[in-house]
Every structure is written in C-alpha cells, then in structure tokens.
Amino acid sequence: PGRSRMTKDELVEGIRKANDRETRRARERES
C-alpha cells in the first residue's frame, strides 16, 4: 500500500534518477 500512495511527480523523479544512473554507467563504459 505504501508504494501506491506515491504521487506521480515522485514516481517520475524516481524513474528519472534511475535513468540517469543507467546512462552514466553506459557512458563510462563507452569511454
């Protein structure tokens, strides 16, 4: 139940942070 109480903004922010972490890791792998 705790997770469903999250607002849309919080959900988007969490996804954005996860994406940034993934892209940063991929970028380091390329260089």
C-alpha atoms as a PDB file:
ATOM      1  CA  PRO A   1       0.000   0.000   0.000  1.00  0.00           C
ATOM      2  CA  GLY A   2       2.874   2.387   0.684  1.00  0.00           C
ATOM      3  CA  ARG A   3       4.036   2.384  -2.908  1.00  0.00           C
ATOM      4  CA  SER A   4       0.607   3.188  -4.356  1.00  0.00           C
ATOM      5  CA  ARG A   5       0.466   6.333  -2.195  1.00  0.00           C
ATOM      6  CA  MET A   6       3.366   7.871  -4.111  1.00  0.00           C
ATOM      7  CA  THR A   7       2.441  10.856  -6.235  1.00  0.00           C
ATOM      8  CA  LYS A   8       3.039  10.926  -9.967  1.00  0.00           C
ATOM      9  CA  ASP A   9       5.804  13.514  -9.523  1.00  0.00           C
ATOM     10  CA  GLU A  10       7.633  11.295  -7.038  1.00  0.00           C
ATOM     11  CA  LEU A  11       7.301   8.355  -9.408  1.00  0.00           C
ATOM     12  CA  VAL A  12       8.672  10.372 -12.337  1.00  0.00           C
ATOM     13  CA  GLU A  13      11.555  11.669 -10.240  1.00  0.00           C
ATOM     14  CA  GLY A  14      12.463   8.142  -9.152  1.00  0.00           C
ATOM     15  CA  ILE A  15      12.434   6.894 -12.732  1.00  0.00           C
ATOM     16  CA  ARG A  16      14.499   9.879 -13.858  1.00  0.00           C
ATOM     17  CA  LYS A  17      17.127   9.179 -11.198  1.00  0.00           C
ATOM     18  CA  ALA A  18      17.289   5.528 -12.236  1.00  0.00           C
ATOM     19  CA  ASN A  19      17.693   6.521 -15.894  1.00  0.00           C
ATOM     20  CA  ASP A  20      20.482   8.974 -15.049  1.00  0.00           C
ATOM     21  CA  ARG A  21      22.314   6.251 -13.150  1.00  0.00           C
ATOM     22  CA  GLU A  22      21.998   3.831 -16.079  1.00  0.00           C
ATOM     23  CA  THR A  23      23.107   6.368 -18.692  1.00  0.00           C
ATOM     24  CA  ARG A  24      26.058   7.429 -16.568  1.00  0.00           C
ATOM     25  CA  ARG A  25      27.186   3.801 -16.261  1.00  0.00           C
ATOM     26  CA  ALA A  26      26.811   3.248 -20.001  1.00  0.00           C
ATOM     27  CA  ARG A  27      28.707   6.452 -20.749  1.00  0.00           C
ATOM     28  CA  GLU A  28      31.614   5.351 -18.560  1.00  0.00           C
ATOM     29  CA  ARG A  29      31.688   2.004 -20.347  1.00  0.00           C
ATOM     30  CA  GLU A  30      31.969   3.677 -23.755  1.00  0.00           C
ATOM     31  CA  SER A  31      34.876   5.957 -22.910  1.00  0.00           C
END
